Protein backbone atom coordinates (compact mmCIF):
# COMPACT_ATOMS: atom_id res chain seq x y z
CA MET A 1 -90.55 -48.90 -21.44
CA PRO A 2 -92.06 -49.24 -17.93
CA GLY A 3 -89.73 -49.18 -14.96
CA PHE A 4 -89.67 -51.20 -11.80
CA GLY A 5 -90.59 -48.55 -9.25
CA PRO A 6 -92.48 -48.93 -5.97
CA ARG A 7 -95.83 -49.35 -7.74
CA ALA A 8 -94.52 -52.41 -9.60
CA ARG A 9 -93.53 -54.30 -6.44
CA LEU A 10 -95.20 -56.45 -3.83
CA LYS A 11 -93.57 -55.29 -0.63
CA ASP A 12 -95.14 -56.28 2.65
CA THR A 13 -96.10 -59.60 4.20
CA ARG A 14 -99.82 -58.91 3.79
CA GLU A 15 -99.47 -58.56 0.00
CA PHE A 16 -97.40 -61.74 -0.29
CA ARG A 17 -99.82 -63.69 1.91
CA ARG A 18 -102.77 -62.53 -0.20
CA VAL A 19 -101.12 -63.95 -3.35
CA TYR A 20 -100.02 -67.21 -1.68
CA GLU A 21 -103.43 -67.88 -0.15
CA GLY A 22 -105.76 -66.52 -2.82
CA GLY A 23 -103.78 -67.17 -5.96
CA ARG A 24 -102.67 -70.03 -8.13
CA LYS A 25 -99.30 -71.71 -8.56
CA THR A 26 -97.38 -72.87 -11.62
CA VAL A 27 -94.23 -74.94 -11.21
CA GLY A 28 -91.31 -75.09 -13.61
CA THR A 29 -87.95 -76.80 -13.49
CA HIS A 30 -86.07 -73.82 -12.02
CA LEU A 31 -88.84 -71.42 -10.99
CA ILE A 32 -92.15 -71.46 -9.11
CA LEU A 33 -94.68 -68.74 -9.91
CA TRP A 34 -97.65 -67.74 -7.76
CA TYR A 35 -100.15 -65.32 -9.30
CA ARG A 36 -103.54 -63.76 -8.74
CA ALA A 37 -105.68 -61.02 -10.23
CA GLY A 38 -105.46 -57.83 -8.22
CA ASP A 39 -106.70 -54.28 -8.75
CA PRO A 40 -107.38 -53.94 -12.50
CA ALA A 41 -106.63 -50.19 -12.29
CA ALA A 42 -103.03 -50.97 -11.31
CA GLY A 43 -100.32 -52.44 -13.49
CA PRO A 44 -98.78 -55.87 -12.99
CA ARG A 45 -96.72 -56.22 -9.81
CA LEU A 46 -93.89 -58.58 -8.88
CA GLY A 47 -92.70 -59.96 -5.57
CA LEU A 48 -89.54 -62.02 -5.17
CA SER A 49 -88.84 -64.73 -2.65
CA VAL A 50 -85.36 -66.25 -2.89
CA SER A 51 -84.35 -68.87 -0.35
CA SER A 52 -80.86 -69.23 1.07
CA LYS A 53 -80.97 -72.75 -0.41
CA VAL A 54 -80.32 -71.12 -3.80
CA GLY A 55 -76.89 -69.91 -2.76
CA ASN A 56 -75.01 -67.16 -0.97
CA ALA A 57 -76.13 -63.52 -0.87
CA VAL A 58 -74.31 -62.66 -4.10
CA ARG A 59 -76.07 -65.47 -5.97
CA ARG A 60 -79.50 -64.65 -4.50
CA ASN A 61 -79.19 -60.97 -5.38
CA ARG A 62 -78.06 -61.83 -8.92
CA LEU A 63 -81.14 -64.01 -9.44
CA LYS A 64 -83.38 -61.23 -8.11
CA ARG A 65 -81.82 -58.69 -10.50
CA LEU A 66 -82.32 -61.05 -13.44
CA LEU A 67 -85.98 -61.67 -12.56
CA ARG A 68 -86.68 -57.97 -12.03
CA GLU A 69 -85.23 -57.13 -15.42
CA ALA A 70 -87.17 -59.90 -17.19
CA PHE A 71 -90.37 -58.68 -15.54
CA ARG A 72 -89.64 -55.03 -16.31
CA LEU A 73 -89.06 -55.65 -20.01
CA HIS A 74 -92.17 -57.81 -20.43
CA ARG A 75 -94.49 -56.06 -18.00
CA ASP A 76 -96.61 -54.59 -20.79
CA GLU A 77 -97.46 -58.12 -22.03
CA LEU A 78 -99.05 -59.07 -18.69
CA PRO A 79 -102.67 -58.33 -17.72
CA ALA A 80 -103.39 -55.22 -15.68
CA GLY A 81 -103.68 -55.86 -11.96
CA LEU A 82 -101.76 -59.13 -12.03
CA GLU A 83 -99.77 -59.89 -8.89
CA LEU A 84 -96.86 -62.34 -9.28
CA ILE A 85 -94.43 -63.93 -6.85
CA ALA A 86 -91.38 -65.60 -8.37
CA TYR A 87 -89.45 -68.18 -6.38
CA PRO A 88 -86.26 -69.61 -7.93
CA ARG A 89 -85.75 -73.21 -6.85
CA ALA A 90 -82.60 -74.57 -5.22
CA GLY A 91 -80.00 -75.41 -7.84
CA CYS A 92 -81.26 -72.75 -10.25
CA PRO A 93 -78.52 -72.71 -12.95
CA TRP A 94 -79.24 -69.34 -14.60
CA LYS A 95 -76.09 -67.70 -15.94
CA GLY A 96 -77.67 -64.61 -17.46
CA TYR A 97 -80.74 -62.61 -18.31
CA ALA A 98 -81.78 -64.88 -21.20
CA ASP A 99 -82.15 -67.88 -18.88
CA ALA A 100 -84.29 -65.98 -16.37
CA GLN A 101 -86.41 -64.45 -19.13
CA LYS A 102 -87.05 -67.82 -20.78
CA ASP A 103 -88.15 -69.48 -17.53
CA LEU A 104 -90.33 -66.56 -16.44
CA LEU A 105 -92.07 -66.21 -19.82
CA ASP A 106 -92.51 -69.99 -20.17
CA LEU A 107 -94.29 -70.15 -16.81
CA CYS A 108 -96.44 -67.12 -17.67
CA ARG A 109 -97.46 -68.84 -20.91
CA LYS A 110 -98.11 -72.12 -19.09
CA ALA A 111 -100.38 -70.25 -16.65
CA GLY A 112 -102.20 -68.55 -19.54
CA LEU A 113 -101.08 -65.07 -18.49
CA ILE A 114 -99.54 -64.18 -21.86
CA LYS A 115 -100.35 -65.53 -25.29
CA LYS A 116 -97.07 -65.05 -27.22
């Protein structure tokens, strides 16, 4: 099972800007997903952007942990080189991992990134 180490993350502003400006966007009820094809030799990578509108620091960090885990467990289903940015919307009601996983996978399917 692949981990979520430094190679699986979008980290700096330049990488985020490249996805925002050169990628596509899919909008769901509780999550917005930006994505673009990156280096096909690399695995899929995830960046997280969680606004203070979502809640306090505890709530924001909880949502980030849930998204990281959903991405980590389903990373092998995504195309190589894919770069994703997940943005939970204000009022996101996720209580646990299952909610985050469902929304993330639904948006990936809607965008045509995974077939299952």
